[in-house]
N, C-alpha and C. Protein backbone atom coordinates (compact mmCIF):
# COMPACT_ATOMS: atom_id res chain seq x y z
N MET A 1 -13.99 -1.99 -16.10
CA MET A 1 -13.01 -2.85 -15.64
C MET A 1 -13.20 -2.48 -14.12
N GLN A 2 -13.62 -3.35 -13.56
CA GLN A 2 -13.58 -3.30 -12.07
C GLN A 2 -12.40 -3.46 -11.39
N LEU A 3 -12.36 -2.75 -10.11
CA LEU A 3 -11.19 -2.56 -9.36
C LEU A 3 -11.34 -3.88 -8.33
N THR A 4 -9.95 -4.38 -8.06
CA THR A 4 -9.76 -5.95 -6.80
C THR A 4 -8.89 -5.62 -5.98
N ILE A 5 -9.00 -6.32 -5.23
CA ILE A 5 -7.50 -6.47 -4.02
C ILE A 5 -7.24 -8.18 -4.04
N CYS A 6 -5.98 -8.01 -4.25
CA CYS A 6 -4.90 -10.05 -4.96
C CYS A 6 -4.50 -9.92 -3.23
N GLY A 7 -4.98 -10.66 -2.44
CA GLY A 7 -3.96 -11.69 -1.51
C GLY A 7 -2.64 -12.24 -2.30
N VAL A 8 -1.21 -12.49 -2.12
CA VAL A 8 -0.12 -13.49 -2.88
C VAL A 8 0.40 -14.20 -1.54
N ASP A 9 0.46 -15.43 -1.49
CA ASP A 9 1.37 -15.94 -1.50
C ASP A 9 2.61 -16.33 -2.18
N ALA A 10 3.69 -16.35 -1.75
CA ALA A 10 4.87 -16.26 -3.09
C ALA A 10 5.28 -17.04 -2.59
N GLY A 11 6.30 -17.96 -3.52
CA GLY A 11 7.01 -19.00 -3.30
C GLY A 11 7.16 -20.10 -4.21
N LYS A 12 7.97 -21.22 -4.19
CA LYS A 12 7.87 -22.53 -5.39
C LYS A 12 5.87 -22.50 -5.54
N ASN A 13 5.18 -23.05 -4.39
CA ASN A 13 4.18 -22.67 -4.41
C ASN A 13 3.48 -21.92 -3.97
N THR A 14 2.58 -20.98 -5.39
CA THR A 14 2.34 -19.76 -5.03
C THR A 14 0.85 -19.55 -5.31
N ALA A 15 0.17 -18.46 -3.96
CA ALA A 15 -1.55 -19.01 -4.44
C ALA A 15 -1.82 -17.20 -4.28
N ILE A 16 -3.38 -17.18 -5.34
CA ILE A 16 -3.75 -16.22 -5.37
C ILE A 16 -4.50 -16.41 -4.78
N ALA A 17 -5.69 -15.15 -4.31
CA ALA A 17 -7.31 -14.88 -3.35
C ALA A 17 -7.65 -13.47 -4.13
N VAL A 18 -8.52 -13.71 -5.21
CA VAL A 18 -8.69 -12.33 -5.91
C VAL A 18 -9.99 -11.80 -5.23
N LEU A 19 -10.12 -10.25 -4.98
CA LEU A 19 -11.62 -10.25 -3.88
C LEU A 19 -11.97 -9.04 -5.10
N GLY A 20 -13.59 -8.63 -4.83
CA GLY A 20 -14.35 -7.51 -5.37
C GLY A 20 -14.15 -6.63 -4.14
N MET A 21 -15.03 -5.35 -5.17
CA MET A 21 -14.44 -4.36 -3.64
C MET A 21 -15.63 -4.48 -3.20
N ASP A 22 -16.58 -5.12 -2.71
CA ASP A 22 -17.64 -5.77 -2.04
C ASP A 22 -16.79 -6.75 -1.16
N GLY A 23 -16.12 -7.20 -1.30
CA GLY A 23 -15.60 -7.75 -0.37
C GLY A 23 -15.70 -9.93 -0.71
N LYS A 24 -16.40 -9.79 -1.86
CA LYS A 24 -16.64 -11.58 -2.65
C LYS A 24 -15.69 -11.91 -3.24
N LEU A 25 -14.85 -13.40 -2.77
CA LEU A 25 -13.78 -13.99 -3.48
C LEU A 25 -14.48 -13.84 -4.90
N LEU A 26 -13.53 -13.29 -5.68
CA LEU A 26 -13.79 -13.59 -7.57
C LEU A 26 -13.52 -15.53 -7.39
N HIS A 27 -12.02 -15.62 -7.19
CA HIS A 27 -10.73 -16.76 -7.34
C HIS A 27 -10.54 -16.76 -6.91
N LEU A 28 -9.90 -17.95 -6.63
CA LEU A 28 -8.97 -18.51 -5.57
C LEU A 28 -7.98 -19.78 -6.42
N GLU A 29 -6.49 -19.31 -6.59
CA GLU A 29 -6.51 -20.17 -6.88
C GLU A 29 -4.72 -20.43 -6.49
N SER A 30 -3.66 -22.57 -6.83
CA SER A 30 -2.68 -21.64 -6.10
C SER A 30 -2.02 -22.84 -7.46
N PHE A 31 -0.77 -22.56 -7.60
CA PHE A 31 0.09 -22.64 -8.77
C PHE A 31 1.50 -23.49 -8.13
N LYS A 32 2.42 -23.76 -9.63
CA LYS A 32 4.05 -24.87 -8.92
C LYS A 32 4.56 -24.50 -9.78
N ASN A 33 6.04 -23.27 -9.57
CA ASN A 33 6.53 -23.30 -10.29
C ASN A 33 6.42 -21.97 -11.25
N LYS A 34 5.64 -20.81 -11.18
CA LYS A 34 5.47 -19.50 -11.86
C LYS A 34 5.97 -18.90 -11.95
N LYS A 35 6.13 -17.66 -12.94
CA LYS A 35 7.12 -16.43 -12.49
C LYS A 35 6.05 -15.57 -12.13
N TYR A 36 6.66 -14.58 -11.88
CA TYR A 36 5.61 -13.52 -11.15
C TYR A 36 4.54 -13.01 -12.31
N GLU A 37 5.49 -13.17 -13.74
CA GLU A 37 4.81 -12.75 -14.80
C GLU A 37 3.42 -13.18 -15.06
N GLU A 38 3.68 -14.32 -14.94
CA GLU A 38 2.42 -14.83 -15.06
C GLU A 38 1.21 -15.11 -13.87
N VAL A 39 1.80 -14.82 -13.01
CA VAL A 39 0.87 -14.98 -11.84
C VAL A 39 0.26 -13.71 -12.46
N ALA A 40 0.68 -12.68 -12.35
CA ALA A 40 0.33 -11.02 -12.27
C ALA A 40 -0.70 -10.84 -13.71
N ARG A 41 -0.48 -11.80 -14.57
CA ARG A 41 -1.45 -12.28 -15.40
C ARG A 41 -2.22 -13.08 -15.73
N VAL A 42 -2.73 -13.44 -14.55
CA VAL A 42 -3.79 -13.98 -13.91
C VAL A 42 -4.54 -13.46 -13.27
N ILE A 43 -4.04 -12.33 -12.62
CA ILE A 43 -4.71 -11.82 -11.17
C ILE A 43 -5.36 -10.75 -12.18
N SER A 44 -4.67 -9.61 -13.12
CA SER A 44 -5.18 -9.04 -13.97
C SER A 44 -6.78 -9.64 -15.16
N THR A 45 -6.25 -10.82 -14.93
CA THR A 45 -7.99 -10.77 -15.51
C THR A 45 -9.11 -10.48 -15.20
N TYR A 46 -9.35 -10.78 -13.76
CA TYR A 46 -10.29 -10.25 -12.53
C TYR A 46 -10.41 -8.90 -13.36
N GLY A 47 -10.03 -7.56 -13.14
CA GLY A 47 -10.35 -6.04 -13.08
C GLY A 47 -9.34 -5.57 -12.96
N LYS A 48 -8.78 -4.23 -12.51
CA LYS A 48 -7.80 -2.99 -12.31
C LYS A 48 -7.36 -3.73 -10.98
N THR A 49 -6.29 -4.26 -10.54
CA THR A 49 -5.56 -4.33 -8.78
C THR A 49 -5.39 -3.78 -8.54
N LEU A 50 -5.92 -2.59 -7.04
CA LEU A 50 -5.87 -1.77 -6.31
C LEU A 50 -5.07 -2.27 -5.69
N ILE A 51 -5.10 -3.61 -5.08
CA ILE A 51 -4.13 -3.61 -3.40
C ILE A 51 -3.48 -4.92 -4.39
N VAL A 52 -2.46 -4.99 -4.07
CA VAL A 52 -1.58 -6.63 -3.84
C VAL A 52 -1.20 -6.83 -2.32
N ALA A 53 -1.42 -7.97 -1.32
CA ALA A 53 -1.66 -8.44 -0.24
C ALA A 53 -0.46 -9.33 0.13
N THR A 54 -0.02 -8.96 1.58
CA THR A 54 0.85 -10.35 1.77
C THR A 54 0.60 -10.43 2.91
N ASP A 55 1.20 -11.86 3.65
CA ASP A 55 0.69 -11.97 4.79
C ASP A 55 2.37 -11.82 5.30
N VAL A 56 2.75 -10.81 5.49
CA VAL A 56 4.67 -11.00 5.77
C VAL A 56 5.22 -9.80 5.87
N ASN A 57 5.68 -9.48 6.60
CA ASN A 57 6.69 -7.68 6.81
C ASN A 57 8.24 -8.76 7.14
N PRO A 58 9.35 -8.08 6.35
CA PRO A 58 8.96 -7.67 4.90
C PRO A 58 8.36 -8.64 3.92
N PRO A 59 7.35 -7.92 2.91
CA PRO A 59 7.25 -8.34 1.80
C PRO A 59 8.08 -9.35 1.20
N PRO A 60 7.80 -10.45 0.33
CA PRO A 60 9.04 -11.33 -0.71
C PRO A 60 9.49 -10.36 -1.92
N LYS A 61 10.36 -10.31 -2.45
CA LYS A 61 10.73 -9.85 -3.36
C LYS A 61 9.28 -9.96 -4.64
N THR A 62 9.43 -11.81 -4.56
CA THR A 62 8.20 -11.52 -5.62
C THR A 62 6.80 -11.01 -5.52
N VAL A 63 6.48 -10.29 -4.49
CA VAL A 63 5.46 -10.05 -4.15
C VAL A 63 5.05 -8.66 -4.46
N ARG A 64 6.41 -8.24 -4.50
CA ARG A 64 6.18 -6.79 -4.48
C ARG A 64 6.52 -6.12 -6.26
N LYS A 65 7.33 -7.36 -7.20
CA LYS A 65 7.59 -7.91 -8.17
C LYS A 65 6.17 -7.25 -9.29
N ILE A 66 4.98 -8.30 -7.97
CA ILE A 66 3.61 -8.30 -8.48
C ILE A 66 2.87 -6.74 -8.93
N ALA A 67 3.13 -6.43 -7.85
CA ALA A 67 2.73 -5.33 -7.26
C ALA A 67 2.88 -3.83 -8.26
N SER A 68 4.12 -4.28 -8.23
CA SER A 68 4.57 -3.23 -8.66
C SER A 68 4.42 -3.52 -10.76
N SER A 69 4.22 -4.51 -11.06
CA SER A 69 4.19 -4.74 -12.23
C SER A 69 2.53 -4.66 -13.17
N LEU A 70 1.47 -4.40 -12.12
CA LEU A 70 0.38 -4.21 -11.59
C LEU A 70 -0.36 -3.02 -11.44
N ASN A 71 1.13 -2.10 -10.67
CA ASN A 71 1.07 -0.78 -10.80
C ASN A 71 -0.04 -0.81 -9.48
N SER A 72 0.15 -1.74 -8.63
CA SER A 72 -0.94 -1.92 -7.79
C SER A 72 -0.36 -1.23 -5.95
N LYS A 73 -0.79 -0.39 -5.01
CA LYS A 73 -0.51 -0.32 -3.76
C LYS A 73 0.19 -1.78 -3.19
N LEU A 74 1.23 -2.08 -2.28
CA LEU A 74 1.46 -3.32 -1.75
C LEU A 74 0.81 -2.79 -0.19
N PHE A 75 0.43 -4.23 0.07
CA PHE A 75 -0.33 -3.89 1.50
C PHE A 75 0.41 -5.20 2.06
N TYR A 76 0.67 -4.91 3.09
CA TYR A 76 1.49 -5.95 4.25
C TYR A 76 1.36 -5.88 5.71
N PRO A 77 1.30 -6.64 6.57
CA PRO A 77 1.11 -6.14 7.87
C PRO A 77 2.26 -5.76 8.48
N ALA A 78 2.27 -4.67 9.87
CA ALA A 78 3.48 -4.69 10.85
C ALA A 78 3.95 -5.57 11.20
N LYS A 79 3.36 -6.78 11.68
CA LYS A 79 3.87 -7.89 11.91
C LYS A 79 2.60 -8.93 11.63
N GLN A 80 3.96 -10.03 11.16
CA GLN A 80 3.26 -11.40 10.49
C GLN A 80 1.84 -11.61 11.09
N PHE A 81 1.15 -12.27 9.98
CA PHE A 81 0.24 -13.21 10.70
C PHE A 81 0.50 -14.26 11.43
N LYS A 82 -0.43 -14.61 12.26
CA LYS A 82 -0.73 -15.78 13.22
C LYS A 82 -1.62 -16.79 12.33
N LYS A 83 -0.93 -18.24 12.44
CA LYS A 83 -2.04 -19.20 11.70
C LYS A 83 -3.33 -19.16 12.58
N LYS A 84 -3.43 -18.83 13.95
CA LYS A 84 -4.72 -19.00 14.28
C LYS A 84 -5.37 -17.58 13.62
N GLN A 85 -5.57 -16.73 13.24
CA GLN A 85 -5.91 -15.75 12.98
C GLN A 85 -5.68 -15.58 11.94
N LYS A 86 -5.01 -16.09 10.82
CA LYS A 86 -5.56 -16.56 9.13
C LYS A 86 -6.68 -17.94 9.22
N TYR A 87 -6.92 -18.15 10.03
CA TYR A 87 -8.06 -19.59 10.23
C TYR A 87 -8.97 -18.89 10.71
N ASN A 88 -9.22 -17.80 11.56
CA ASN A 88 -10.59 -17.67 11.76
C ASN A 88 -11.13 -16.10 10.80
N VAL A 89 -10.09 -15.78 10.20
CA VAL A 89 -10.25 -14.67 8.90
C VAL A 89 -10.93 -15.55 7.90
N THR A 90 -10.23 -16.19 8.02
CA THR A 90 -11.42 -17.87 6.34
C THR A 90 -12.17 -18.53 6.49
N GLN A 91 -12.19 -18.69 7.74
CA GLN A 91 -12.94 -20.25 8.08
C GLN A 91 -13.99 -20.14 7.36
N ALA A 92 -14.90 -19.41 6.78
CA ALA A 92 -15.95 -19.14 6.32
C ALA A 92 -15.35 -19.94 4.76
N TYR A 93 -14.51 -20.09 3.54
CA TYR A 93 -13.86 -20.63 2.98
C TYR A 93 -13.47 -21.89 2.92
N ASN A 94 -13.59 -22.38 4.43
CA ASN A 94 -13.19 -24.08 4.17
C ASN A 94 -12.61 -24.34 3.50
N GLU A 95 -14.64 -25.24 2.79
CA GLU A 95 -14.53 -25.58 2.19
C GLU A 95 -13.96 -25.74 0.71
N ILE A 96 -13.82 -24.73 0.47
CA ILE A 96 -13.14 -24.71 -1.05
C ILE A 96 -11.01 -23.91 -0.85
N ILE A 97 -11.16 -24.18 0.46
CA ILE A 97 -9.14 -23.45 0.38
C ILE A 97 -8.53 -24.70 0.39
N SER A 98 -7.61 -24.96 -0.58
CA SER A 98 -7.11 -26.61 -1.05
C SER A 98 -5.62 -26.96 -0.18
N ASN A 99 -4.87 -25.46 0.20
CA ASN A 99 -3.76 -25.43 1.08
C ASN A 99 -3.72 -24.90 1.85
N SER A 100 -2.29 -24.68 2.47
CA SER A 100 -2.37 -23.39 3.31
C SER A 100 -1.91 -22.36 2.55
N HIS A 101 -1.26 -21.98 1.43
CA HIS A 101 -0.75 -21.48 1.14
C HIS A 101 -1.99 -20.19 0.27
N GLU A 102 -3.47 -21.39 -0.83
CA GLU A 102 -4.35 -20.25 -0.41
C GLU A 102 -5.38 -19.74 0.96
N ARG A 103 -4.95 -20.42 1.95
CA ARG A 103 -5.27 -20.03 2.95
C ARG A 103 -4.53 -18.52 3.43
N ASP A 104 -3.53 -18.60 3.27
CA ASP A 104 -2.63 -17.46 3.19
C ASP A 104 -2.86 -16.51 2.24
N ALA A 105 -2.81 -16.62 0.83
CA ALA A 105 -3.68 -15.35 0.25
C ALA A 105 -4.43 -14.54 0.30
N LEU A 106 -5.39 -16.08 0.79
CA LEU A 106 -7.29 -14.96 1.05
C LEU A 106 -7.17 -14.34 2.11
N ALA A 107 -6.17 -14.88 3.31
CA ALA A 107 -5.88 -14.06 5.01
C ALA A 107 -5.84 -12.69 4.27
N SER A 108 -4.73 -12.76 3.71
CA SER A 108 -3.81 -11.69 3.15
C SER A 108 -4.60 -10.67 2.24
N ALA A 109 -5.57 -10.78 1.58
CA ALA A 109 -6.89 -10.47 0.68
C ALA A 109 -7.60 -9.57 1.50
N MET A 110 -7.52 -10.30 2.30
CA MET A 110 -9.33 -10.19 3.44
C MET A 110 -9.11 -8.85 4.15
N LYS A 111 -7.47 -9.00 4.80
CA LYS A 111 -7.14 -8.54 5.61
C LYS A 111 -6.87 -7.02 5.12
N ALA A 112 -6.58 -6.51 3.78
CA ALA A 112 -6.58 -5.49 3.21
C ALA A 112 -7.46 -5.17 2.75
N TYR A 113 -8.98 -6.04 2.98
CA TYR A 113 -9.87 -5.02 2.42
C TYR A 113 -10.57 -4.77 3.92
N LYS A 114 -9.95 -5.32 4.70
CA LYS A 114 -10.73 -4.81 5.85
C LYS A 114 -10.11 -3.69 6.26
N LYS A 115 -9.18 -3.38 6.25
CA LYS A 115 -8.32 -1.90 5.68
C LYS A 115 -8.99 -0.96 5.21
N TYR A 116 -8.86 -1.07 4.43
CA TYR A 116 -9.16 0.18 3.28
C TYR A 116 -10.59 0.31 3.36
N THR A 117 -11.49 -1.01 3.47
CA THR A 117 -12.73 -0.51 3.34
C THR A 117 -14.12 1.13 3.72
N GLY A 118 -13.50 0.76 5.14
CA GLY A 118 -13.74 2.21 6.04
C GLY A 118 -13.30 3.18 4.13
N LEU A 119 -12.29 3.69 4.07
CA LEU A 119 -11.58 4.72 3.40
C LEU A 119 -12.48 4.28 1.42
N ILE A 120 -12.83 3.24 1.32
CA ILE A 120 -13.61 3.61 0.26
C ILE A 120 -14.84 3.95 0.61
N MET A 121 -15.12 3.45 1.45
CA MET A 121 -16.88 3.32 1.76
C MET A 121 -17.02 5.34 2.01
N LYS A 122 -15.95 6.42 2.63
CA LYS A 122 -16.03 7.61 2.57
C LYS A 122 -16.18 7.86 1.27
N ILE A 123 -15.06 7.45 0.04
CA ILE A 123 -15.03 7.90 -0.83
C ILE A 123 -16.54 8.13 -1.82
N GLU A 124 -16.65 6.80 -1.59
CA GLU A 124 -18.27 6.48 -2.09
C GLU A 124 -18.92 7.44 -1.88
N ARG A 125 -19.33 7.74 -0.89
CA ARG A 125 -19.96 8.58 0.03
C ARG A 125 -20.25 9.59 -0.53
N PHE A 126 -18.73 10.68 -0.38
CA PHE A 126 -18.38 11.99 -1.16
C PHE A 126 -18.49 11.89 -2.76
N VAL A 127 -17.79 10.73 -3.20
CA VAL A 127 -18.12 10.71 -4.89
C VAL A 127 -19.96 11.15 -4.93
N GLY A 128 -20.39 10.11 -4.11
CA GLY A 128 -22.16 10.16 -4.64
C GLY A 128 -22.36 8.88 -6.00
N TYR A 129 -23.24 9.36 -6.80
CA TYR A 129 -24.08 8.63 -7.59
C TYR A 129 -23.76 8.97 -9.10
N SER A 130 -22.15 8.90 -9.01
CA SER A 130 -21.84 9.11 -10.27
C SER A 130 -21.64 7.90 -10.97
N ASP A 131 -20.81 7.79 -12.11
CA ASP A 131 -20.80 6.33 -12.76
C ASP A 131 -19.42 5.82 -12.15
N GLU A 132 -20.09 4.88 -12.20
CA GLU A 132 -19.12 3.86 -11.85
C GLU A 132 -17.68 3.94 -12.07
N GLU A 133 -17.05 3.84 -13.27
CA GLU A 133 -15.91 4.37 -13.24
C GLU A 133 -15.09 5.41 -13.19
N TYR A 134 -16.24 6.51 -13.09
CA TYR A 134 -15.25 7.71 -12.34
C TYR A 134 -14.92 7.38 -10.63
N LYS A 135 -16.39 6.91 -10.20
CA LYS A 135 -15.50 6.48 -8.83
C LYS A 135 -14.38 5.42 -8.47
N GLU A 136 -14.73 4.53 -9.39
CA GLU A 136 -13.29 3.54 -9.18
C GLU A 136 -12.10 4.37 -9.44
N GLU A 137 -12.25 5.66 -10.63
CA GLU A 137 -10.58 5.66 -10.55
C GLU A 137 -10.10 6.83 -9.65
N ILE A 138 -10.74 7.44 -8.53
CA ILE A 138 -10.85 8.25 -7.31
C ILE A 138 -10.45 7.07 -6.63
N ILE A 139 -11.07 6.37 -6.17
CA ILE A 139 -10.75 5.33 -5.12
C ILE A 139 -9.66 5.09 -5.56
N TYR A 140 -9.10 4.11 -6.95
CA TYR A 140 -7.74 4.40 -7.66
C TYR A 140 -6.74 5.08 -6.69
N ASP A 141 -6.91 5.78 -7.79
CA ASP A 141 -5.91 6.98 -7.37
C ASP A 141 -5.45 7.54 -5.49
N ILE A 142 -6.92 7.67 -4.93
CA ILE A 142 -6.81 7.97 -3.32
C ILE A 142 -5.55 6.88 -2.88
N ILE A 143 -6.41 5.47 -3.14
CA ILE A 143 -5.40 4.65 -2.69
C ILE A 143 -4.24 4.64 -2.63
N ARG A 144 -3.73 4.80 -4.35
CA ARG A 144 -2.59 5.29 -4.58
C ARG A 144 -1.75 5.78 -3.86
N HIS A 145 -2.39 7.22 -3.47
CA HIS A 145 -1.47 8.45 -3.19
C HIS A 145 -0.69 8.99 -4.29
N LEU A 146 -2.49 9.77 -4.98
CA LEU A 146 -1.78 9.99 -6.41
C LEU A 146 -1.95 11.58 -5.87
N TYR A 147 -3.54 11.61 -5.00
CA TYR A 147 -4.02 12.94 -4.67
C TYR A 147 -3.60 12.94 -2.78
N PRO A 148 -3.75 14.38 -2.55
CA PRO A 148 -3.20 14.42 -1.32
C PRO A 148 -4.83 13.72 0.23
N ASN A 149 -5.78 14.03 -0.11
CA ASN A 149 -7.45 14.01 -0.54
C ASN A 149 -8.64 13.54 -1.40
N ILE A 150 -9.06 13.50 -0.38
CA ILE A 150 -10.69 13.12 -1.61
C ILE A 150 -11.30 14.92 -2.04
N LYS A 151 -11.07 15.40 -2.02
CA LYS A 151 -11.52 17.17 -2.25
C LYS A 151 -10.31 17.20 -4.04
N SER A 152 -9.25 16.88 -3.24
CA SER A 152 -8.75 17.14 -4.28
C SER A 152 -8.18 15.81 -5.57
N ALA A 153 -8.85 14.67 -5.09
CA ALA A 153 -8.82 13.99 -6.22
C ALA A 153 -10.05 14.48 -6.86
N LEU A 154 -11.15 14.59 -6.30
CA LEU A 154 -12.32 15.39 -7.25
C LEU A 154 -12.17 16.47 -8.51
N GLY A 155 -11.14 16.86 -7.76
CA GLY A 155 -10.62 18.43 -8.32
C GLY A 155 -9.58 18.40 -9.46
N LYS A 156 -8.87 16.96 -9.29
CA LYS A 156 -8.07 16.49 -9.97
C LYS A 156 -6.45 17.17 -9.67
N THR A 157 -6.82 17.50 -8.64
CA THR A 157 -5.12 18.13 -8.27
C THR A 157 -3.92 17.17 -7.68
N LYS A 158 -3.12 16.64 -8.35
CA LYS A 158 -2.44 15.68 -8.17
C LYS A 158 -0.88 15.67 -7.27
N VAL A 159 -0.88 15.02 -6.91
CA VAL A 159 0.89 15.48 -5.73
C VAL A 159 1.85 14.64 -6.82
N ILE A 160 3.27 16.36 -6.50
CA ILE A 160 4.28 15.82 -6.85
C ILE A 160 5.17 15.94 -6.45
N ASN A 161 6.03 14.68 -5.93
CA ASN A 161 7.35 14.53 -5.34
C ASN A 161 6.76 15.04 -3.92
N ASN A 162 5.47 14.92 -3.89
CA ASN A 162 5.05 15.00 -2.15
C ASN A 162 5.09 16.75 -1.63
N ASN A 163 5.58 17.73 -2.37
CA ASN A 163 5.39 18.79 -2.39
C ASN A 163 4.41 19.70 -3.38
N GLN A 164 4.56 19.51 -4.93
CA GLN A 164 4.22 20.23 -5.36
C GLN A 164 2.75 19.69 -6.39
N GLN A 165 2.22 20.68 -6.33
CA GLN A 165 0.91 19.95 -7.16
C GLN A 165 0.31 20.92 -8.08
N ILE A 166 -0.18 19.97 -9.06
CA ILE A 166 -0.79 20.49 -10.48
C ILE A 166 -2.07 20.23 -10.67
N ASN A 167 -2.60 20.61 -11.38
CA ASN A 167 -3.64 20.50 -11.77
C ASN A 167 -4.19 19.65 -13.01
N SER A 168 -4.62 18.54 -12.78
CA SER A 168 -4.63 17.66 -14.29
C SER A 168 -6.40 18.23 -15.35
C-alpha cells in the first residue's frame, strides 16, 4: 500500500488533497457536512496516510481527529499561511481547483510534502534498493518518530517513552 500525504481543510465545507510520495496529486475533493470518520475513510482509500496537514495553527479539532484515526503525523504551520502563499504554491492546479477549501487543502499537503521530502529522500538513499514495502515502513516509522534515527529504524530499535529503547 502506498504512502500518502493528505491536506485537509475542515469545516462545514471540508476539502481534502491527497499526494503520493512523489508529490503528485492523487485526489482533490470537497464535501459538505461530512463527519470526520467519513472523510478519513475516503482518504484511506488512496493508501497509508503518513501525514495529515492543515494550513492553520492551532489545527482544528476535526483535523486532529482525522490524523489520529489514520494514525498519521499531524503537520501544521508555525503561523497561518497567507492567501497569496496558498495561491503561489497551488497555481499549477488552478484548472482543477473548484473552491478555496480545495486550494487550502492542496496548499497544506504541498507544504508538508516540501518540509519532509528531504528527510524522505535521505531515508531512501540510506535504505537503498530494498523492496518498496520495507522502504515505506522505514519512512513511516521515522516520520512518526517511532525510532530516534535512520540507523535505529534499520536495526529496528524503537523508542519508548523517549528514554527506553527496545529491539524488535
